[in-house]
Every structure is written in C-alpha cells, then in structure tokens.
Amino acid sequence: MNVCFYSPFVVADPKVPSGAARVATLLQRALTSAGLHVHCPALPRTFDGKGDASRQREAMEASTMAANALLEAIARGAVPRPALWFSYHVYYKSPDWIGPTVTGKLGIPYVIAEGSHAPKRQNGPWHAGHAATTDALQSARLLLAMTAFDRFCLEQLCPGRVRDLKPFIDCTGLGAATPTASSSLRLVSAGMMRNERKRDSFFLLADALALLPKDSFSLEIAGDGRFRSEIEQRFSAASKQGRVTFLGALEHQQLLALMSRSDIFVWPGIGEAYGITYLEAQACGLPVVACSNRGVTDVTRDGVTALLCPPDDPSAIAAAIMKLANDATLRRQMSAAAHGFVHTERSLEYTSRLLRDTLAEVLP
C-alpha cells in the first residue's frame, strides 16, 4: 500500500544536526516498517521564519502548482497512486497547502504528524500560514500528537481525531554506558548554538556549573553555531580550569560515542519542542538533568529516568547534578530505567507497530 510522505518544513536527512530532519527520516522508516511503501515526491518547502506576507503568498502559489502537477502525474501513472497522504510538521510557519488539495481530489485519508495549532497567530504576520494550517488540521482524518502541549491545542480544534505518537529513535547499537569509578562525573551536553533559546540554555548550564565543587565534574559540549563565542565566554572560568571542553559540531555517530563514555546528560532544554537527543542519551543509559519545560516532559520520566528542574533556576540544576553525584545507587537505577524506557517504549520497532495499528483506523 502506497503512502505519500511530505514535510512542508524540512527535507528528511539523518545526517544533519536538525532534529526535525532526523525525525522526518525516522517517520519514513517507521511507515516502511509498518508495511507501507513510502513515496516522497519533490515538493516545495513552505517555511517562513520572518512573517513575510510575500513569502507566504509565493509558497501558496508554488504549492498550488505542485499539487496540480502531482495530480496530473498520478493520473498518467507516472507516480504511484497513494492510499494515504502523510504530512509531517505542519504549523503556522510551515503550512501544508498540498496535502488537503491532493487528498480531496483523490478521496484518500489525510494524516498529519506533529501538527500544531496556535490561535494567537490568527491576526499577526503569519495570518496566511495560520489560516492554511487550521484548514489542513481540520481536513485531516487523524492528527498524531508528539507532545502533550500539541495534543491539548489539537483536541480543542479537532476533538476525537487526535492520537498520541510520542517521539522515538532507532535504538540499534545503543548499549548502556559504563559508569565511571571516579568521584568526578563525566557530564555531556549537546545543543546547537544557533538561536537565543539555545544560547539561554547554555547560559543556564554555565551558571549551574559555577555552583558545583570544582573537582566534582568534567563537561564535554557538542554543538556549534553563531552564538558559540558568547557561550564559550560564559564557560571561560571552567574552561581555563580544564573542566569544560567544547567539541564543536559532531557527526551523529561521534555524538553517540561521546554519550557512551559519559555519566549524565545535562541540557536545560529551554523552549525545546521535545529533543530526540534526550532519547539518545537515555538509550545509552544516561540519567538526564534538564528543565521541566515544554516537550522535555514528553521524552523523559521525571524521577525515574531524569531529574527535571524549574526553568531559570541554576541552583536546582546544580542540586540535581550533585544528587546523582552523591548517590551511586540512584545513578545506576536511573541509568537502567533510562535505557529500558527508550528501548521498550520509544524504539523504532515499537513505534512502527503503534503506527500500523493507528493508521488501520483510516486505511482500507
């Protein structure tokens, strides 16, 4: 059975640092494992990060042309006729004009994963994107919510059509890390340094580490971006003492290897949609210290696999790190729980089965 996969936001690519591009790839693999033949036609991206009315108009016109061309190709038999249309990451900055058009003409089910509804954008610079997204969400047969935050808003708009599809990863080859025998914990943090929210998370982490005893930790940081110099400056004291090392942007396998030789994953995650890096760290057996913020609660289990702290409280983050540092038994328990949580409930195999059963609601 054929499924047409489209993301108006990003091109699927497992190698890029962007979590969205990796999630798109994972969703395609999950659909394939669920028994569907995934087709990804070349379609335009609609993302507008600035609220530019002309950009939104151009994206709508390009989408209309692409939808018509795709329908003609399907009619000619040049493109397989899909039994299902599956769109990923539809929101006011990246609306989907193509899915509703094609599914309406073909009379096939339309499913959206990680869609979100933001009523406050109704009258702002993203008015067109918001309107298109609202129409798309309302025309979808199923909405797959990856976070509790998104689910709440979607249920208000489309009651009864929302199902959970929590963030997941491919756990292949991700074994539990070996705990250190040293009294100095090996901390690891990973995040792009490309926007203010990421910068603020690093700043919060730096302030928390300044409260720790100097001999209690070492920290390796993976990531790069335009705010790197500011972030390095914030960690300068600890860096000069040899306690913090900046590794720059790492390849995915390099990041996993880094996690496998660490003890705790520390990343505040201010404003994170969810962050699949948390899942990767836990799959490697790392307890997590983070903030109880936005989607972080959807990829961790507070008190079981992670210690979640109030946002903007460096002392709480420092206390959580020291709690794990001073209690080796707790650290081992959380390590085992983290590994088990991801490998059983957030694996590609588990999600493929869940996706197959969920899509059975709308497929013949």
Protein backbone atom coordinates (compact mmCIF):
# COMPACT_ATOMS: atom_id res chain seq x y z
CA MET A 1 0.00 0.00 0.00
CA ASN A 2 1.45 3.35 -1.08
CA VAL A 3 1.78 6.38 1.18
CA CYS A 4 2.83 9.84 0.03
CA PHE A 5 5.11 11.47 2.63
CA TYR A 6 5.54 15.24 2.70
CA SER A 7 7.06 17.72 5.10
CA PRO A 8 6.44 21.40 4.26
CA PHE A 9 9.05 22.27 6.88
CA VAL A 10 12.16 20.19 6.19
CA VAL A 11 13.75 17.63 3.90
CA ALA A 12 14.36 14.29 5.58
CA ASP A 13 18.06 13.76 6.27
CA PRO A 14 19.50 11.58 9.06
CA LYS A 15 22.94 13.23 8.83
CA VAL A 16 22.10 16.87 9.57
CA PRO A 17 22.05 18.26 13.13
CA SER A 18 18.44 19.40 12.79
CA GLY A 19 16.18 17.21 14.89
CA ALA A 20 13.27 17.79 12.51
CA ALA A 21 15.17 16.41 9.53
CA ARG A 22 16.09 13.30 11.52
CA VAL A 23 12.54 12.83 12.79
CA ALA A 24 11.27 13.03 9.21
CA THR A 25 13.64 10.21 8.30
CA LEU A 26 12.57 8.16 11.31
CA LEU A 27 8.91 8.58 10.41
CA GLN A 28 9.58 7.36 6.88
CA ARG A 29 11.37 4.32 8.28
CA ALA A 30 8.55 3.66 10.74
CA LEU A 31 5.97 3.80 7.94
CA THR A 32 8.06 1.38 5.88
CA SER A 33 8.38 -0.98 8.85
CA ALA A 34 4.61 -0.73 9.29
CA GLY A 35 4.22 -2.29 5.84
CA LEU A 36 3.69 0.80 3.69
CA HIS A 37 5.54 1.79 0.52
CA VAL A 38 6.72 5.34 1.13
CA HIS A 39 6.92 7.76 -1.79
CA CYS A 40 8.47 11.22 -1.28
CA PRO A 41 7.70 13.46 -4.27
CA ALA A 42 9.78 16.58 -4.83
CA LEU A 43 7.54 19.27 -3.37
CA PRO A 44 8.23 22.84 -2.22
CA ARG A 45 9.02 23.80 1.37
CA THR A 46 6.77 26.50 2.76
CA PHE A 47 8.73 27.58 5.82
CA ASP A 48 8.64 31.32 6.56
CA GLY A 49 10.58 32.27 9.65
CA LYS A 50 10.08 36.04 9.39
CA GLY A 51 6.36 36.54 8.92
CA ASP A 52 6.82 37.73 5.35
CA ALA A 53 3.47 38.02 3.55
CA SER A 54 5.08 37.87 0.11
CA ARG A 55 7.00 34.70 1.05
CA GLN A 56 3.76 33.08 2.25
CA ARG A 57 1.98 34.07 -0.96
CA GLU A 58 4.80 32.65 -3.08
CA ALA A 59 4.75 29.42 -1.07
CA MET A 60 0.99 29.09 -1.56
CA GLU A 61 1.30 29.64 -5.32
CA ALA A 62 4.17 27.16 -5.60
CA SER A 63 2.18 24.63 -3.56
CA THR A 64 -0.86 25.02 -5.84
CA MET A 65 1.27 24.39 -8.92
CA ALA A 66 2.99 21.42 -7.29
CA ALA A 67 -0.32 19.86 -6.20
CA ASN A 68 -1.75 20.13 -9.71
CA ALA A 69 1.41 18.71 -11.26
CA LEU A 70 1.40 15.79 -8.81
CA LEU A 71 -2.25 15.03 -9.52
CA GLU A 72 -1.52 15.02 -13.26
CA ALA A 73 1.44 12.68 -12.73
CA ILE A 74 -0.72 10.31 -10.68
CA ALA A 75 -3.41 10.37 -13.37
CA ARG A 76 -0.80 9.46 -16.01
CA GLY A 77 0.57 6.66 -13.88
CA ALA A 78 3.97 8.34 -13.67
CA VAL A 79 3.63 8.47 -9.88
CA PRO A 80 2.08 5.65 -7.78
CA ARG A 81 -1.43 6.45 -6.61
CA PRO A 82 -1.24 6.76 -2.82
CA ALA A 83 -3.70 5.15 -0.45
CA LEU A 84 -2.73 7.66 2.22
CA TRP A 85 -1.16 11.11 2.48
CA PHE A 86 1.14 11.64 5.47
CA SER A 87 2.38 15.15 6.30
CA TYR A 88 4.93 15.92 8.99
CA HIS A 89 5.50 19.15 10.96
CA VAL A 90 2.61 21.35 9.84
CA TYR A 91 2.27 24.63 11.70
CA TYR A 92 1.78 28.33 11.04
CA LYS A 93 5.36 28.84 9.80
CA SER A 94 5.23 25.80 7.50
CA PRO A 95 1.63 25.25 6.37
CA ASP A 96 0.57 22.42 4.10
CA TRP A 97 -1.41 23.58 1.06
CA ILE A 98 -0.66 20.43 -0.94
CA GLY A 99 -1.93 17.58 1.25
CA PRO A 100 -5.53 18.85 1.54
CA THR A 101 -5.72 19.52 -2.21
CA VAL A 102 -4.41 16.13 -3.30
CA THR A 103 -6.36 14.09 -0.76
CA GLY A 104 -9.54 16.00 -1.56
CA LYS A 105 -9.20 15.22 -5.27
CA LEU A 106 -8.22 11.58 -4.77
CA GLY A 107 -10.58 10.87 -1.88
CA ILE A 108 -7.86 9.33 0.30
CA PRO A 109 -7.15 9.76 4.03
CA TYR A 110 -5.00 12.70 5.13
CA VAL A 111 -2.87 12.27 8.27
CA ILE A 112 -0.68 14.88 9.97
CA ALA A 113 2.10 14.09 12.44
CA GLU A 114 3.42 16.83 14.70
CA GLY A 115 0.90 19.40 13.63
CA SER A 116 0.22 22.29 15.95
CA HIS A 117 -2.45 24.95 16.30
CA ALA A 118 -1.62 28.46 17.54
CA PRO A 119 -4.76 30.66 17.71
CA LYS A 120 -2.68 33.67 18.80
CA ARG A 121 -1.20 33.78 15.26
CA GLN A 122 -4.61 34.39 13.70
CA ASN A 123 -4.13 38.12 13.18
CA GLY A 124 -0.36 38.51 13.04
CA PRO A 125 2.24 38.45 10.26
CA TRP A 126 1.72 34.69 9.82
CA HIS A 127 -2.01 35.07 9.25
CA ALA A 128 -1.93 33.22 5.92
CA GLY A 129 0.15 30.38 7.33
CA HIS A 130 -2.12 30.10 10.35
CA ALA A 131 -5.26 30.02 8.21
CA ALA A 132 -3.82 27.35 5.91
CA THR A 133 -2.66 25.26 8.86
CA THR A 134 -6.06 25.48 10.52
CA ASP A 135 -7.73 24.32 7.30
CA ALA A 136 -5.25 21.45 6.95
CA LEU A 137 -5.70 20.28 10.53
CA GLN A 138 -9.47 20.37 10.22
CA SER A 139 -9.40 18.36 6.99
CA ALA A 140 -7.13 15.62 8.38
CA ARG A 141 -8.63 12.28 9.31
CA LEU A 142 -6.04 11.73 12.06
CA LEU A 143 -3.70 14.07 13.92
CA LEU A 144 -0.69 12.38 15.52
CA ALA A 145 0.47 14.42 18.51
CA MET A 146 4.05 14.00 19.64
CA THR A 147 3.73 16.15 22.78
CA ALA A 148 1.09 16.80 25.42
CA PHE A 149 1.29 20.52 24.62
CA ASP A 150 0.36 19.96 20.98
CA ARG A 151 -2.30 17.41 21.88
CA PHE A 152 -4.16 19.86 24.10
CA CYS A 153 -4.40 22.50 21.36
CA LEU A 154 -5.30 19.98 18.66
CA GLU A 155 -8.06 18.46 20.75
CA GLN A 156 -9.64 21.90 21.08
CA LEU A 157 -9.75 22.23 17.30
CA CYS A 158 -10.40 18.63 16.23
CA PRO A 159 -11.88 16.65 19.13
CA GLY A 160 -11.81 12.88 18.72
CA ARG A 161 -9.26 12.81 15.89
CA VAL A 162 -6.04 13.14 17.90
CA ARG A 163 -3.83 10.14 18.70
CA ASP A 164 -0.50 10.00 20.52
CA LEU A 165 2.70 9.24 18.63
CA LYS A 166 5.47 10.06 21.07
CA PRO A 167 9.00 10.94 19.87
CA PHE A 168 11.13 7.88 19.16
CA ILE A 169 14.56 6.85 17.84
CA ASP A 170 16.35 3.90 16.29
CA CYS A 171 17.98 2.16 19.25
CA THR A 172 20.13 -0.17 17.16
CA GLY A 173 23.59 -0.43 18.64
CA LEU A 174 22.87 1.84 21.60
CA GLY A 175 24.03 -0.05 24.67
CA ALA A 176 24.25 1.21 28.22
CA ALA A 177 27.26 3.37 29.11
CA THR A 178 29.80 2.13 31.62
CA PRO A 179 29.53 4.11 34.90
CA THR A 180 32.68 5.87 35.97
CA ALA A 181 34.53 4.75 39.06
CA SER A 182 35.88 8.25 39.57
CA SER A 183 34.43 10.73 42.04
CA SER A 184 34.38 13.29 39.22
CA LEU A 185 31.36 12.74 36.99
CA ARG A 186 31.62 12.89 33.24
CA LEU A 187 28.87 15.24 32.10
CA VAL A 188 27.86 15.66 28.48
CA SER A 189 25.73 18.33 26.85
CA ALA A 190 24.67 18.73 23.23
CA GLY A 191 22.82 21.53 21.54
CA MET A 192 23.05 23.75 18.52
CA MET A 193 24.21 27.31 19.22
CA ARG A 194 22.11 28.91 16.52
CA ASN A 195 19.39 30.86 18.35
CA GLU A 196 18.67 32.74 21.56
CA ARG A 197 16.83 29.89 23.26
CA LYS A 198 19.73 27.50 22.76
CA ARG A 199 22.12 30.19 23.97
CA ASP A 200 20.00 30.75 27.07
CA SER A 201 20.08 27.01 27.86
CA PHE A 202 23.87 27.06 27.71
CA PHE A 203 23.98 30.18 29.87
CA LEU A 204 21.75 28.48 32.45
CA LEU A 205 24.01 25.43 32.44
CA ALA A 206 27.11 27.58 32.90
CA ASP A 207 25.52 29.32 35.89
CA ALA A 208 24.62 25.96 37.41
CA LEU A 209 28.12 24.53 36.98
CA ALA A 210 29.58 27.58 38.70
CA LEU A 211 27.77 26.41 41.85
CA LEU A 212 29.36 22.94 41.85
CA PRO A 213 32.55 21.92 43.67
CA LYS A 214 35.44 22.29 41.25
CA ASP A 215 36.55 18.65 41.47
CA SER A 216 33.07 17.14 41.07
CA PHE A 217 32.70 17.11 37.29
CA SER A 218 34.07 17.41 33.81
CA LEU A 219 31.83 18.53 30.95
CA GLU A 220 32.11 17.93 27.21
CA ILE A 221 29.89 20.09 25.00
CA ALA A 222 28.89 19.14 21.46
CA GLY A 223 27.45 21.84 19.23
CA ASP A 224 28.22 24.88 17.14
CA GLY A 225 26.54 27.97 15.76
CA ARG A 226 26.63 31.74 15.61
CA PHE A 227 26.39 32.17 19.40
CA ARG A 228 29.34 29.89 20.15
CA SER A 229 31.75 32.68 21.14
CA GLU A 230 29.24 34.11 23.64
CA ILE A 231 28.63 30.67 25.09
CA GLU A 232 32.32 29.87 25.39
CA GLN A 233 32.83 33.16 27.19
CA ARG A 234 30.18 32.20 29.73
CA PHE A 235 32.08 28.97 30.47
CA SER A 236 35.51 30.61 30.34
CA ALA A 237 36.42 30.15 34.01
CA ALA A 238 35.63 26.42 33.98
CA SER A 239 37.29 26.00 30.57
CA LYS A 240 40.53 27.53 31.82
CA GLN A 241 40.49 25.05 34.71
CA GLY A 242 40.18 22.18 32.24
CA ARG A 243 36.72 21.19 33.43
CA VAL A 244 34.79 22.15 30.27
CA THR A 245 35.70 21.17 26.71
CA PHE A 246 33.98 22.42 23.55
CA LEU A 247 33.99 19.80 20.83
CA GLY A 248 32.14 21.68 18.11
CA ALA A 249 29.59 20.05 15.85
CA LEU A 250 29.89 16.26 15.85
CA GLU A 251 28.72 13.64 13.40
CA HIS A 252 25.82 11.62 14.75
CA GLN A 253 27.90 8.53 15.50
CA GLN A 254 30.52 10.68 17.21
CA LEU A 255 27.84 12.14 19.47
CA LEU A 256 26.58 8.67 20.38
CA ALA A 257 30.15 7.57 21.16
CA LEU A 258 30.54 10.63 23.40
CA MET A 259 27.38 9.72 25.27
CA SER A 260 28.52 6.14 25.70
CA ARG A 261 31.58 7.29 27.67
CA SER A 262 29.68 9.75 29.88
CA ASP A 263 27.69 9.54 33.12
CA ILE A 264 24.95 12.20 32.93
CA PHE A 265 23.32 14.11 30.10
CA VAL A 266 22.78 17.72 31.15
CA TRP A 267 20.82 20.02 28.89
CA PRO A 268 18.29 22.54 30.29
CA GLY A 269 16.21 22.48 27.08
CA ILE A 270 14.57 25.88 27.36
CA GLY A 271 11.79 26.04 24.78
CA GLU A 272 12.60 22.60 23.32
CA ALA A 273 9.80 21.11 21.23
CA TYR A 274 11.00 17.83 22.75
CA GLY A 275 14.57 16.99 21.65
CA ILE A 276 15.39 13.49 20.40
CA THR A 277 18.88 13.94 21.85
CA TYR A 278 17.32 13.25 25.26
CA LEU A 279 16.09 9.91 23.95
CA GLU A 280 19.51 9.05 22.52
CA ALA A 281 21.22 9.87 25.80
CA GLN A 282 18.77 7.74 27.78
CA ALA A 283 19.11 4.89 25.27
CA CYS A 284 22.82 4.97 26.11
CA GLY A 285 21.90 4.63 29.78
CA LEU A 286 22.46 8.23 30.84
CA PRO A 287 20.28 9.83 33.50
CA VAL A 288 19.12 13.26 32.40
CA VAL A 289 19.20 16.60 34.20
CA ALA A 290 17.01 19.16 32.46
CA CYS A 291 14.24 21.70 32.94
CA SER A 292 10.60 20.74 33.19
CA ASN A 293 9.79 22.78 30.14
CA ARG A 294 7.65 22.36 27.01
CA GLY A 295 8.31 18.99 25.37
CA VAL A 296 11.11 17.79 27.66
CA THR A 297 8.50 16.01 29.77
CA ASP A 298 7.42 14.03 26.68
CA VAL A 299 10.85 12.41 26.22
CA THR A 300 11.79 11.75 29.85
CA ARG A 301 10.25 10.36 33.02
CA ASP A 302 10.75 12.73 35.89
CA GLY A 303 12.17 11.00 38.96
CA VAL A 304 12.68 7.75 37.04
CA THR A 305 14.96 8.49 34.09
CA ALA A 306 15.51 12.20 34.68
CA LEU A 307 15.65 14.91 37.32
CA LEU A 308 13.65 17.83 35.93
CA CYS A 309 14.12 21.26 37.43
CA PRO A 310 12.18 24.52 37.31
CA PRO A 311 13.22 26.67 34.34
CA ASP A 312 15.65 29.50 35.03
CA ASP A 313 16.87 28.02 38.33
CA PRO A 314 20.60 27.22 38.13
CA SER A 315 20.71 26.19 41.78
CA ALA A 316 18.10 23.47 41.13
CA ILE A 317 20.16 22.12 38.22
CA ALA A 318 23.30 22.14 40.36
CA ALA A 319 21.45 20.33 43.16
CA ALA A 320 20.18 17.68 40.74
CA ILE A 321 23.69 17.02 39.43
CA MET A 322 25.05 16.72 42.97
CA LYS A 323 22.20 14.41 43.95
CA LEU A 324 23.30 12.00 41.24
CA ALA A 325 26.97 12.54 42.06
CA ASN A 326 26.48 11.66 45.72
CA ASP A 327 24.23 8.63 45.20
CA ALA A 328 25.80 5.97 43.01
CA THR A 329 22.88 3.61 43.62
CA LEU A 330 20.39 6.17 42.35
CA ARG A 331 22.59 6.82 39.36
CA ARG A 332 22.67 3.12 38.47
CA GLN A 333 18.91 2.78 38.94
CA MET A 334 18.16 5.77 36.73
CA SER A 335 20.65 4.57 34.15
CA ALA A 336 18.90 1.20 33.87
CA ALA A 337 15.47 2.84 33.82
CA ALA A 338 16.53 5.30 31.10
CA HIS A 339 17.92 2.52 28.92
CA GLY A 340 14.81 0.38 29.37
CA PHE A 341 12.38 3.25 28.81
CA VAL A 342 13.71 4.15 25.37
CA HIS A 343 14.47 0.63 24.16
CA THR A 344 10.97 -0.61 25.02
CA GLU A 345 8.61 2.37 24.61
CA ARG A 346 10.42 4.76 22.27
CA SER A 347 12.11 2.47 19.80
CA LEU A 348 11.60 2.39 16.03
CA GLU A 349 10.16 -1.13 16.29
CA TYR A 350 7.62 -0.20 18.97
CA THR A 351 6.56 2.93 17.11
CA SER A 352 6.18 1.06 13.82
CA ARG A 353 3.71 -1.30 15.44
CA LEU A 354 1.85 1.59 17.05
CA LEU A 355 1.76 3.49 13.76
CA ARG A 356 0.46 0.43 11.88
CA ASP A 357 -2.38 -0.03 14.37
CA THR A 358 -3.22 3.68 14.41
CA LEU A 359 -3.31 4.06 10.63
CA ALA A 360 -5.56 0.99 10.41
CA GLU A 361 -8.31 3.32 11.63
CA VAL A 362 -8.32 5.13 8.30
CA LEU A 363 -6.81 2.68 5.80
CA PRO A 364 -8.89 0.07 3.94
